[in-house]
Protein backbone atom coordinates (compact mmCIF):
# COMPACT_ATOMS: atom_id res chain seq x y z
CA UNK A 1 180.58 122.66 -28.14
CA UNK A 2 180.68 125.75 -26.79
CA UNK A 3 182.32 128.77 -28.54
CA UNK A 4 184.24 131.35 -26.14
CA UNK A 5 185.59 134.57 -27.54
CA UNK A 6 188.45 136.39 -26.06
CA UNK A 7 190.29 139.89 -25.91
CA UNK A 8 193.78 140.57 -24.72
CA UNK A 9 194.47 144.08 -23.55
CA UNK A 10 197.07 145.97 -21.65
CA UNK A 11 195.59 147.65 -19.12
CA UNK A 12 197.61 150.94 -18.69
CA UNK A 13 198.13 151.61 -22.48
CA UNK A 14 196.59 154.38 -24.47
CA UNK A 15 194.72 152.02 -26.67
CA UNK A 16 194.39 149.08 -24.15
CA UNK A 17 192.94 146.37 -26.84
CA UNK A 18 195.84 147.45 -29.95
CA UNK A 19 199.07 147.59 -27.99
CA UNK A 20 201.54 146.67 -30.74
CA UNK A 21 202.09 143.18 -28.29
CA UNK A 22 198.56 142.20 -29.27
CA UNK A 23 198.96 142.44 -32.93
CA UNK A 24 198.58 139.36 -34.50
CA UNK A 25 201.86 138.84 -35.83
CA UNK A 26 203.37 139.49 -31.98
CA UNK A 27 200.63 138.03 -29.66
CA UNK A 28 201.50 134.52 -28.37
CA UNK A 29 197.99 132.65 -27.97
CA UNK A 30 196.89 130.52 -25.32
CA UNK A 31 197.63 126.92 -25.18
CA UNK A 32 195.70 123.90 -24.23
CA UNK A 33 196.94 122.69 -20.37
CA UNK A 34 197.19 118.84 -21.67
CA UNK A 35 199.37 120.34 -25.02
CA UNK A 36 201.62 122.65 -23.35
CA UNK A 37 202.56 120.40 -20.20
CA UNK A 38 202.68 117.03 -22.19
CA UNK A 39 206.30 116.55 -21.85
CA UNK A 40 206.05 117.11 -18.28
CA UNK A 41 203.49 114.44 -17.74
CA UNK A 42 203.58 111.99 -20.51
CA UNK A 43 205.83 109.30 -18.99
CA UNK A 44 203.93 109.07 -15.89
CA UNK A 45 201.15 106.53 -15.41
CA UNK A 46 198.50 109.25 -14.11
CA UNK A 47 198.66 110.57 -17.61
CA UNK A 48 196.55 107.89 -18.59
CA UNK A 49 193.91 108.17 -16.04
CA UNK A 50 190.27 109.71 -17.28
CA UNK A 51 189.79 111.40 -14.25
CA UNK A 52 193.07 113.21 -14.11
CA UNK A 53 192.79 114.14 -17.80
CA UNK A 54 189.27 115.55 -17.04
CA UNK A 55 190.18 117.95 -14.56
CA UNK A 56 192.30 120.10 -17.05
CA UNK A 57 189.31 119.68 -19.37
CA UNK A 58 189.12 123.24 -21.58
CA UNK A 59 191.85 124.52 -19.77
CA UNK A 60 194.34 126.91 -21.20
CA UNK A 61 197.70 128.38 -20.47
CA UNK A 62 198.21 132.17 -21.01
CA UNK A 63 201.90 133.70 -21.37
CA UNK A 64 203.44 137.06 -20.36
CA UNK A 65 203.49 139.29 -23.63
CA UNK A 66 206.40 141.53 -22.62
CA UNK A 67 209.26 141.29 -20.18
CA UNK A 68 208.26 142.19 -16.38
CA UNK A 69 210.37 143.01 -13.63
CA UNK A 70 208.81 143.61 -10.16
CA UNK A 71 211.01 145.14 -7.44
CA UNK A 72 210.42 146.11 -4.28
CA UNK A 73 212.15 146.49 -0.31
CA UNK A 74 210.96 143.70 1.42
CA UNK A 75 211.37 145.28 4.66
CA UNK A 76 209.47 148.50 4.05
CA UNK A 77 207.32 147.36 1.13
CA UNK A 78 208.10 150.08 -0.99
CA UNK A 79 207.71 149.25 -4.87
CA UNK A 80 210.45 150.86 -7.48
CA UNK A 81 208.66 153.10 -9.73
CA UNK A 82 209.53 151.07 -12.79
CA UNK A 83 207.30 147.83 -11.38
CA UNK A 84 203.99 150.25 -11.80
CA UNK A 85 204.63 150.26 -15.32
CA UNK A 86 203.56 146.54 -15.49
CA UNK A 87 201.55 145.94 -12.32
CA UNK A 88 198.75 147.85 -10.13
CA UNK A 89 199.53 146.82 -6.42
CA UNK A 90 197.04 145.78 -3.64
CA UNK A 91 199.30 145.59 -1.06
CA UNK A 92 202.30 147.37 -0.61
CA UNK A 93 203.64 150.46 1.54
CA UNK A 94 205.52 153.69 0.79
CA UNK A 95 205.44 155.96 -2.12
CA UNK A 96 202.71 154.09 -4.24
CA UNK A 97 201.06 155.40 -7.19
CA UNK A 98 197.58 154.15 -8.52
CA UNK A 99 197.59 153.36 -12.28
CA UNK A 100 194.97 155.51 -14.16
CA UNK A 101 193.45 155.15 -17.51
CA UNK A 102 195.92 155.88 -20.69
CA UNK A 103 198.98 155.35 -18.31
CA UNK A 104 198.21 158.63 -15.96
CA UNK A 105 199.46 158.30 -12.50
CA UNK A 106 198.16 160.13 -9.47
CA UNK A 107 199.14 159.37 -5.73
CA UNK A 108 196.89 157.47 -3.34
CA UNK A 109 195.81 159.57 -0.28
CA UNK A 110 196.11 156.20 1.83
CA UNK A 111 198.91 153.53 1.58
CA UNK A 112 197.62 150.13 0.98
CA UNK A 113 197.81 147.34 3.95
CA UNK A 114 201.60 145.49 3.85
CA UNK A 115 201.82 142.46 5.75
CA UNK A 116 205.45 141.52 4.64
CA UNK A 117 205.01 140.36 0.84
CA UNK A 118 203.94 142.39 -1.86
CA UNK A 119 200.77 141.63 -3.62
CA UNK A 120 199.85 142.78 -7.20
CA UNK A 121 197.71 142.17 -10.41
CA UNK A 122 199.87 142.20 -13.91
CA UNK A 123 198.23 144.85 -16.21
CA UNK A 124 197.94 141.70 -19.14
CA UNK A 125 194.11 141.28 -18.79
CA UNK A 126 191.78 139.41 -20.66
CA UNK A 127 188.08 139.80 -21.46
CA UNK A 128 185.68 136.55 -22.25
CA UNK A 129 182.59 135.92 -23.65
CA UNK A 130 180.59 133.20 -24.76
CA UNK A 131 179.29 133.34 -28.57
CA UNK A 132 175.99 131.86 -27.75
CA UNK A 133 173.70 133.60 -25.49
CA UNK A 134 174.04 131.47 -22.25
CA UNK A 135 174.04 132.55 -18.70
CA UNK A 136 176.17 129.57 -16.75
CA UNK A 137 179.55 129.31 -18.10
CA UNK A 138 182.08 129.76 -15.46
CA UNK A 139 185.77 130.43 -15.62
CA UNK A 140 188.47 129.40 -12.81
CA UNK A 141 191.64 130.99 -12.60
CA UNK A 142 194.42 128.37 -11.39
CA UNK A 143 198.42 128.69 -10.69
CA UNK A 144 200.98 127.11 -13.17
CA UNK A 145 202.01 123.83 -11.38
CA UNK A 146 205.56 125.06 -10.81
CA UNK A 147 205.51 128.73 -10.34
CA UNK A 148 206.56 128.90 -6.82
CA UNK A 149 209.99 127.05 -7.74
CA UNK A 150 210.57 128.96 -10.93
CA UNK A 151 209.56 132.52 -9.64
CA UNK A 152 208.73 132.13 -6.11
CA UNK A 153 205.23 134.15 -7.11
CA UNK A 154 202.53 132.64 -5.61
CA UNK A 155 199.10 133.03 -7.76
CA UNK A 156 195.85 134.45 -6.45
CA UNK A 157 193.11 131.96 -7.98
CA UNK A 158 189.46 133.12 -8.49
CA UNK A 159 186.31 131.85 -10.61
CA UNK A 160 183.28 133.49 -11.63
CA UNK A 161 180.49 133.33 -14.25
CA UNK A 162 182.14 135.40 -17.18
CA UNK A 163 178.84 134.54 -19.22
CA UNK A 164 176.75 137.25 -17.19
CA UNK A 165 179.72 139.12 -15.54
CA UNK A 166 182.26 140.74 -18.08
CA UNK A 167 184.88 141.95 -15.80
CA UNK A 168 188.15 141.40 -17.03
CA UNK A 169 190.48 138.29 -16.25
CA UNK A 170 194.06 138.78 -14.61
CA UNK A 171 196.90 137.31 -13.07
CA UNK A 172 197.25 138.52 -9.20
CA UNK A 173 200.57 137.27 -7.37
CA UNK A 174 201.91 137.31 -4.12
CA UNK A 175 205.59 138.14 -4.87
CA UNK A 176 207.26 136.48 -2.24
CA UNK A 177 210.94 137.60 -3.36
CA UNK A 178 212.27 141.51 -3.49
CA UNK A 179 212.77 140.89 -7.41
CA UNK A 180 210.56 139.22 -9.53
CA UNK A 181 210.96 138.50 -13.48
CA UNK A 182 208.61 137.27 -16.02
CA UNK A 183 210.38 137.11 -19.56
CA UNK A 184 208.11 137.49 -22.47
CA UNK A 185 206.72 133.85 -23.39
CA UNK A 186 206.30 132.48 -19.59
CA UNK A 187 203.53 131.10 -18.49
CA UNK A 188 201.41 133.27 -15.97
CA UNK A 189 198.62 130.80 -15.47
CA UNK A 190 195.77 128.41 -16.54
CA UNK A 191 192.29 129.46 -16.90
CA UNK A 192 189.60 126.63 -17.23
CA UNK A 193 186.24 127.05 -18.51
CA UNK A 194 183.06 125.47 -17.35
CA UNK A 195 179.52 125.10 -18.53
CA UNK A 196 177.72 124.65 -15.62
CA UNK A 197 174.82 123.39 -17.35
CA UNK A 198 176.90 120.74 -19.15
CA UNK A 199 180.11 120.00 -17.20
CA UNK A 200 181.95 118.12 -19.96
CA UNK A 201 181.02 119.77 -22.87
CA UNK A 202 184.31 121.06 -25.02
CA UNK A 203 184.85 124.72 -24.95
CA UNK A 204 186.57 126.16 -28.10
CA UNK A 205 188.49 129.63 -27.34
CA UNK A 206 188.53 131.84 -30.24
CA UNK A 207 190.25 135.10 -30.52
CA UNK A 208 187.96 137.91 -31.53
CA UNK A 209 187.68 142.30 -31.59
CA UNK A 210 185.14 143.16 -28.58
CA UNK A 211 182.28 145.01 -29.69
CA UNK A 212 181.71 148.65 -28.34
CA UNK A 213 178.82 147.11 -26.23
CA UNK A 214 180.94 143.99 -24.85
CA UNK A 215 183.84 146.69 -23.94
CA UNK A 216 180.95 149.07 -21.92
CA UNK A 217 179.98 146.12 -20.49
CA UNK A 218 182.94 144.95 -18.97
CA UNK A 219 184.09 148.51 -18.04
CA UNK A 220 180.46 148.55 -16.09
CA UNK A 221 180.88 145.48 -14.76
CA UNK A 222 184.31 146.23 -13.29
CA UNK A 223 183.44 149.71 -11.74
CA UNK A 224 180.29 148.28 -10.62
CA UNK A 225 181.78 147.61 -6.89
CA UNK A 226 182.46 151.22 -6.74
CA UNK A 227 178.68 151.68 -6.29
CA UNK A 228 177.56 148.74 -4.43
CA UNK A 229 180.16 147.88 -2.43
CA UNK A 230 179.85 144.26 -1.13
CA UNK A 231 176.82 143.57 -3.36
CA UNK A 232 178.08 142.92 -6.95
CA UNK A 233 179.09 139.52 -6.13
CA UNK A 234 175.48 138.58 -4.88
CA UNK A 235 174.07 140.03 -8.18
CA UNK A 236 176.09 137.74 -10.43
CA UNK A 237 177.05 134.23 -8.78
CA UNK A 238 173.45 132.82 -9.16
CA UNK A 239 172.20 132.08 -12.49
CA UNK A 240 168.96 134.09 -13.57
CA UNK A 241 165.73 131.96 -12.79
CA UNK A 242 164.09 130.68 -15.80
CA UNK A 243 160.25 131.90 -15.19
CA UNK A 244 157.77 131.02 -17.85
CA UNK A 245 155.75 133.94 -19.16
CA UNK A 246 152.27 132.20 -18.94
CA UNK A 247 152.96 131.30 -15.67
CA UNK A 248 150.86 134.09 -14.01
CA UNK A 249 147.78 132.70 -16.23
CA UNK A 250 148.08 129.70 -14.13
CA UNK A 251 147.05 130.97 -10.77
């Protein structure tokens, strides 16, 4: 079994890891997928299928820690100012502001593109790191099965090797309605953990306080794309080669 630590953060907070909603008395912890959705599938025959169960192995449901309201004009793409308290927008139009560290704002010089639907990242982030020094552990961000029906919000998924790329994980959506509301406790998405060196190995998820080194590495990995545009992925996607230190003596 591999242990994976995680730390939640509210990205536009002055103390992102110490927001009151993240205190242990208030924080809503993740729940294994097969536990959270048990009542939804237990009566179906496929629930007994080993292949189906394996597809959700080491998958956890993560929840909104606060009430969130996203509102914008679908015709113009202009986002209401209050929505920036909960989300940073990648695609919208009009009077757009970019959230800066510690909640300060500054106007963007150029409006992001807009193609008829606002796209943004909720500011509820997560950092994951393995307990052991392993280099080939990945995570995959997946949508809640009925998110389109309940919120008409389309999660934008992705996966990356978090054991060597400590960038924050987050939930980004296409907001198909002009108004989208997530209540505190609503599921936002699923994160599945995979050890590519042992795909069926169990993964235990444990909340922990990140060290200063973990926080610094996470910030550096997040900003790497600013210094090496279009190159950061090529640096981290492949596992480091294992080279014997005595190999040069055999030549």
